[in-house]
Amino acid sequence: MSYKIIISKTALKDLKKIDKSTRARIAKKLQFYIKQGAPLDFARLLVHSSIGQYRLRVGHFRIAFDLDGDKINITRIQHRKDV
């Protein structure tokens, strides 16, 4: 199954606060997760789903997202100490 990534305005603001090399690493890892065909195999279910249903880990950063059919709606990208 092919997934489409949709990034919210809040997640874009989060990305702009992150240095360039880490942003590139996050983008590369997101592409890896998508190409695997089952991104939920790498995701964890969030207990308090106020920022999203699931999260992915990229180094010290957490990507919170909701899954809607074949769309991955990224809601937040934050350092693990802030999540």
C-alpha atoms as a PDB file:
ATOM      1  CA  MET A   1       0.000   0.000   0.000  1.00  0.00           C
ATOM      2  CA  SER A   2       1.250   3.471  -0.862  1.00  0.00           C
ATOM      3  CA  TYR A   3       0.950   6.168   1.802  1.00  0.00           C
ATOM      4  CA  LYS A   4       0.807   9.926   1.410  1.00  0.00           C
ATOM      5  CA  ILE A   5       2.336  12.215   4.039  1.00  0.00           C
ATOM      6  CA  ILE A   6       0.421  15.327   5.055  1.00  0.00           C
ATOM      7  CA  ILE A   7       2.198  17.736   7.413  1.00  0.00           C
ATOM      8  CA  SER A   8       0.157  20.103   9.581  1.00  0.00           C
ATOM      9  CA  LYS A   9       1.037  23.784  10.056  1.00  0.00           C
ATOM     10  CA  THR A  10       2.083  23.056  13.627  1.00  0.00           C
ATOM     11  CA  ALA A  11       4.436  20.301  12.489  1.00  0.00           C
ATOM     12  CA  LEU A  12       5.940  22.660   9.890  1.00  0.00           C
ATOM     13  CA  LYS A  13       6.624  25.192  12.646  1.00  0.00           C
ATOM     14  CA  ASP A  14       8.246  22.422  14.675  1.00  0.00           C
ATOM     15  CA  LEU A  15      10.426  21.470  11.693  1.00  0.00           C
ATOM     16  CA  LYS A  16      11.621  25.045  11.183  1.00  0.00           C
ATOM     17  CA  LYS A  17      12.966  25.074  14.755  1.00  0.00           C
ATOM     18  CA  ILE A  18      15.109  21.980  14.096  1.00  0.00           C
ATOM     19  CA  ASP A  19      18.599  22.268  12.588  1.00  0.00           C
ATOM     20  CA  LYS A  20      19.082  21.425   8.924  1.00  0.00           C
ATOM     21  CA  SER A  21      20.956  18.137   9.320  1.00  0.00           C
ATOM     22  CA  THR A  22      18.349  16.748  11.723  1.00  0.00           C
ATOM     23  CA  ARG A  23      15.544  17.794   9.368  1.00  0.00           C
ATOM     24  CA  ALA A  24      17.245  15.867   6.570  1.00  0.00           C
ATOM     25  CA  ARG A  25      17.570  12.827   8.832  1.00  0.00           C
ATOM     26  CA  ILE A  26      13.874  13.035   9.763  1.00  0.00           C
ATOM     27  CA  ALA A  27      12.853  13.282   6.084  1.00  0.00           C
ATOM     28  CA  LYS A  28      15.066  10.335   5.150  1.00  0.00           C
ATOM     29  CA  LYS A  29      13.671   8.194   7.966  1.00  0.00           C
ATOM     30  CA  LEU A  30      10.061   9.090   7.063  1.00  0.00           C
ATOM     31  CA  GLN A  31      10.717   7.976   3.491  1.00  0.00           C
ATOM     32  CA  PHE A  32      12.173   4.716   4.823  1.00  0.00           C
ATOM     33  CA  TYR A  33       9.085   4.070   6.962  1.00  0.00           C
ATOM     34  CA  ILE A  34       6.769   4.796   4.019  1.00  0.00           C
ATOM     35  CA  LYS A  35       8.696   2.558   1.594  1.00  0.00           C
ATOM     36  CA  GLN A  36       8.376  -0.402   3.962  1.00  0.00           C
ATOM     37  CA  GLY A  37       4.656  -0.511   3.184  1.00  0.00           C
ATOM     38  CA  ALA A  38       3.550  -0.871   6.805  1.00  0.00           C
ATOM     39  CA  PRO A  39       4.618   2.200   8.800  1.00  0.00           C
ATOM     40  CA  LEU A  40       2.614   1.032  11.821  1.00  0.00           C
ATOM     41  CA  ASP A  41       5.161  -1.763  12.273  1.00  0.00           C
ATOM     42  CA  PHE A  42       7.595   0.954  13.391  1.00  0.00           C
ATOM     43  CA  ALA A  43       5.087   3.119  15.277  1.00  0.00           C
ATOM     44  CA  ARG A  44       3.901   3.052  18.847  1.00  0.00           C
ATOM     45  CA  LEU A  45       0.364   3.785  19.960  1.00  0.00           C
ATOM     46  CA  LEU A  46       0.115   6.940  22.066  1.00  0.00           C
ATOM     47  CA  VAL A  47      -1.645   6.601  25.414  1.00  0.00           C
ATOM     48  CA  HIS A  48      -2.817  10.229  25.539  1.00  0.00           C
ATOM     49  CA  SER A  49      -3.876  10.883  21.991  1.00  0.00           C
ATOM     50  CA  SER A  50      -4.238  14.660  22.245  1.00  0.00           C
ATOM     51  CA  ILE A  51      -1.473  15.200  19.646  1.00  0.00           C
ATOM     52  CA  GLY A  52      -2.005  12.074  17.553  1.00  0.00           C
ATOM     53  CA  GLN A  53      -2.771   8.372  17.570  1.00  0.00           C
ATOM     54  CA  TYR A  54       0.759   7.080  16.942  1.00  0.00           C
ATOM     55  CA  ARG A  55       4.381   8.147  17.158  1.00  0.00           C
ATOM     56  CA  LEU A  56       7.541   7.351  15.263  1.00  0.00           C
ATOM     57  CA  ARG A  57      11.026   7.733  16.660  1.00  0.00           C
ATOM     58  CA  VAL A  58      13.880   9.401  14.801  1.00  0.00           C
ATOM     59  CA  GLY A  59      16.844   9.736  17.143  1.00  0.00           C
ATOM     60  CA  HIS A  60      15.829  12.058  19.967  1.00  0.00           C
ATOM     61  CA  PHE A  61      12.797  13.322  18.053  1.00  0.00           C
ATOM     62  CA  ARG A  62       9.258  11.978  18.083  1.00  0.00           C
ATOM     63  CA  ILE A  63       6.848  12.328  15.171  1.00  0.00           C
ATOM     64  CA  ALA A  64       3.205  12.240  16.277  1.00  0.00           C
ATOM     65  CA  PHE A  65       0.714  11.339  13.577  1.00  0.00           C
ATOM     66  CA  ASP A  66      -2.772  10.115  12.793  1.00  0.00           C
ATOM     67  CA  LEU A  67      -3.471   7.427  10.211  1.00  0.00           C
ATOM     68  CA  ASP A  68      -6.428   8.042   7.909  1.00  0.00           C
ATOM     69  CA  GLY A  69      -6.645   5.272   5.324  1.00  0.00           C
ATOM     70  CA  ASP A  70      -3.625   5.785   3.076  1.00  0.00           C
ATOM     71  CA  LYS A  71      -2.781   9.232   4.526  1.00  0.00           C
ATOM     72  CA  ILE A  72      -0.340   9.863   7.342  1.00  0.00           C
ATOM     73  CA  ASN A  73      -1.257  13.179   8.961  1.00  0.00           C
ATOM     74  CA  ILE A  74       1.789  14.407  10.878  1.00  0.00           C
ATOM     75  CA  THR A  75       0.616  16.590  13.749  1.00  0.00           C
ATOM     76  CA  ARG A  76       3.808  17.313  15.757  1.00  0.00           C
ATOM     77  CA  ILE A  77       7.561  16.802  15.522  1.00  0.00           C
ATOM     78  CA  GLN A  78       9.265  17.436  18.839  1.00  0.00           C
ATOM     79  CA  HIS A  79      12.283  16.526  20.897  1.00  0.00           C
ATOM     80  CA  ARG A  80      11.552  13.664  23.278  1.00  0.00           C
ATOM     81  CA  LYS A  81      11.932  15.890  26.351  1.00  0.00           C
ATOM     82  CA  ASP A  82       9.114  18.136  25.082  1.00  0.00           C
ATOM     83  CA  VAL A  83       6.597  15.462  24.117  1.00  0.00           C
END
